[in-house]
C-alpha atoms as a PDB file:
ATOM      1  CA  MET A   1     111.280  16.327-113.158  1.00  0.00           C
ATOM      2  CA  PRO A   2     107.764  16.073-114.606  1.00  0.00           C
ATOM      3  CA  LYS A   3     104.692  17.310-112.801  1.00  0.00           C
ATOM      4  CA  MET A   4     103.064  14.991-110.288  1.00  0.00           C
ATOM      5  CA  LYS A   5      99.723  13.513-111.287  1.00  0.00           C
ATOM      6  CA  SER A   6      96.819  13.595-108.892  1.00  0.00           C
ATOM      7  CA  LYS A   7      94.835  10.418-108.388  1.00  0.00           C
ATOM      8  CA  ARG A   8      91.830  11.019-110.647  1.00  0.00           C
ATOM      9  CA  ALA A   9      89.463   8.900-108.553  1.00  0.00           C
ATOM     10  CA  ALA A  10      90.248  11.028-105.513  1.00  0.00           C
ATOM     11  CA  ALA A  11      90.100  14.297-107.435  1.00  0.00           C
ATOM     12  CA  LYS A  12      86.545  13.479-108.529  1.00  0.00           C
ATOM     13  CA  ARG A  13      85.380  12.609-105.012  1.00  0.00           C
ATOM     14  CA  PHE A  14      87.170  15.153-102.824  1.00  0.00           C
ATOM     15  CA  SER A  15      87.817  18.875-103.029  1.00  0.00           C
ATOM     16  CA  LEU A  16      89.672  21.370-100.890  1.00  0.00           C
ATOM     17  CA  THR A  17      88.124  24.306 -99.075  1.00  0.00           C
ATOM     18  CA  GLY A  18      89.820  27.684 -98.882  1.00  0.00           C
ATOM     19  CA  SER A  19      91.241  26.886 -95.456  1.00  0.00           C
ATOM     20  CA  GLY A  20      92.681  23.572 -96.689  1.00  0.00           C
ATOM     21  CA  LYS A  21      90.095  21.159 -95.281  1.00  0.00           C
ATOM     22  CA  VAL A  22      89.061  18.200 -97.437  1.00  0.00           C
ATOM     23  CA  LYS A  23      85.375  18.164 -98.415  1.00  0.00           C
ATOM     24  CA  TYR A  24      83.414  15.167 -99.720  1.00  0.00           C
ATOM     25  CA  LYS A  25      79.845  14.095-100.495  1.00  0.00           C
ATOM     26  CA  LYS A  26      78.299  11.749 -97.958  1.00  0.00           C
ATOM     27  CA  MET A  27      77.199   8.252 -98.955  1.00  0.00           C
ATOM     28  CA  ASN A  28      73.779   6.566 -98.666  1.00  0.00           C
ATOM     29  CA  LEU A  29      71.696   9.076-100.642  1.00  0.00           C
ATOM     30  CA  ARG A  30      71.474   7.272-103.996  1.00  0.00           C
ATOM     31  CA  HIS A  31      68.726   4.661-103.717  1.00  0.00           C
ATOM     32  CA  ILE A  32      66.455   2.843-101.231  1.00  0.00           C
ATOM     33  CA  LEU A  33      65.423   6.222 -99.837  1.00  0.00           C
ATOM     34  CA  THR A  34      61.907   5.279 -98.752  1.00  0.00           C
ATOM     35  CA  LYS A  35      63.027   3.604 -95.528  1.00  0.00           C
ATOM     36  CA  LYS A  36      65.289   6.519 -94.513  1.00  0.00           C
ATOM     37  CA  ASP A  37      63.611   9.291 -92.578  1.00  0.00           C
ATOM     38  CA  LYS A  38      63.563  12.926 -93.716  1.00  0.00           C
ATOM     39  CA  LYS A  39      66.026  14.106 -91.093  1.00  0.00           C
ATOM     40  CA  ARG A  40      68.613  11.531 -92.125  1.00  0.00           C
ATOM     41  CA  LYS A  41      68.281  12.386 -95.831  1.00  0.00           C
ATOM     42  CA  ARG A  42      68.472  16.110 -95.093  1.00  0.00           C
ATOM     43  CA  ASN A  43      71.658  15.653 -93.063  1.00  0.00           C
ATOM     44  CA  LEU A  44      73.198  13.499 -95.811  1.00  0.00           C
ATOM     45  CA  ARG A  45      72.800  16.361 -98.298  1.00  0.00           C
ATOM     46  CA  ALA A  46      75.364  18.500 -96.488  1.00  0.00           C
ATOM     47  CA  ALA A  47      79.009  18.081 -97.450  1.00  0.00           C
ATOM     48  CA  GLY A  48      81.233  16.201 -95.036  1.00  0.00           C
ATOM     49  CA  ILE A  49      84.675  17.274 -93.829  1.00  0.00           C
ATOM     50  CA  LEU A  50      87.403  14.656 -93.437  1.00  0.00           C
ATOM     51  CA  SER A  51      89.127  14.290 -90.085  1.00  0.00           C
ATOM     52  CA  GLU A  52      92.521  15.951 -89.915  1.00  0.00           C
ATOM     53  CA  ALA A  53      94.387  12.615 -89.877  1.00  0.00           C
ATOM     54  CA  ASP A  54      92.682  11.431 -93.068  1.00  0.00           C
ATOM     55  CA  ALA A  55      92.854  14.875 -94.661  1.00  0.00           C
ATOM     56  CA  ARG A  56      96.625  15.068 -94.206  1.00  0.00           C
ATOM     57  CA  ARG A  57      97.104  11.828 -96.119  1.00  0.00           C
ATOM     58  CA  MET A  58      94.595  12.842 -98.803  1.00  0.00           C
ATOM     59  CA  ARG A  59      96.266  16.202 -99.443  1.00  0.00           C
ATOM     60  CA  LYS A  60      99.704  14.622 -99.630  1.00  0.00           C
ATOM     61  CA  GLN A  61      99.081  11.512-101.733  1.00  0.00           C
ATOM     62  CA  MET A  62      95.877  11.913-103.656  1.00  0.00           C
ATOM     63  CA  LEU A  63      95.644  15.640-104.390  1.00  0.00           C
ATOM     64  CA  PRO A  64      99.231  16.899-104.631  1.00  0.00           C
ATOM     65  CA  TYR A  65      98.306  20.183-106.309  1.00  0.00           C
ATOM     66  CA  GLY A  66      94.970  20.729-104.576  1.00  0.00           C
END
């Protein structure tokens, strides 16, 4: 049986931490930044962690070898 392929779109957007959590970059930090306050932009810089329910599906389907 050939190797499974990971979904490339997901592999570019998500990554796994050492403990197996799924990490992603938060949205809304690309443009129209003047109306967003500093605190909001600062908090958007930090990486987000998917909830366990979503992470389980992501690890199984999208990132099979992650």
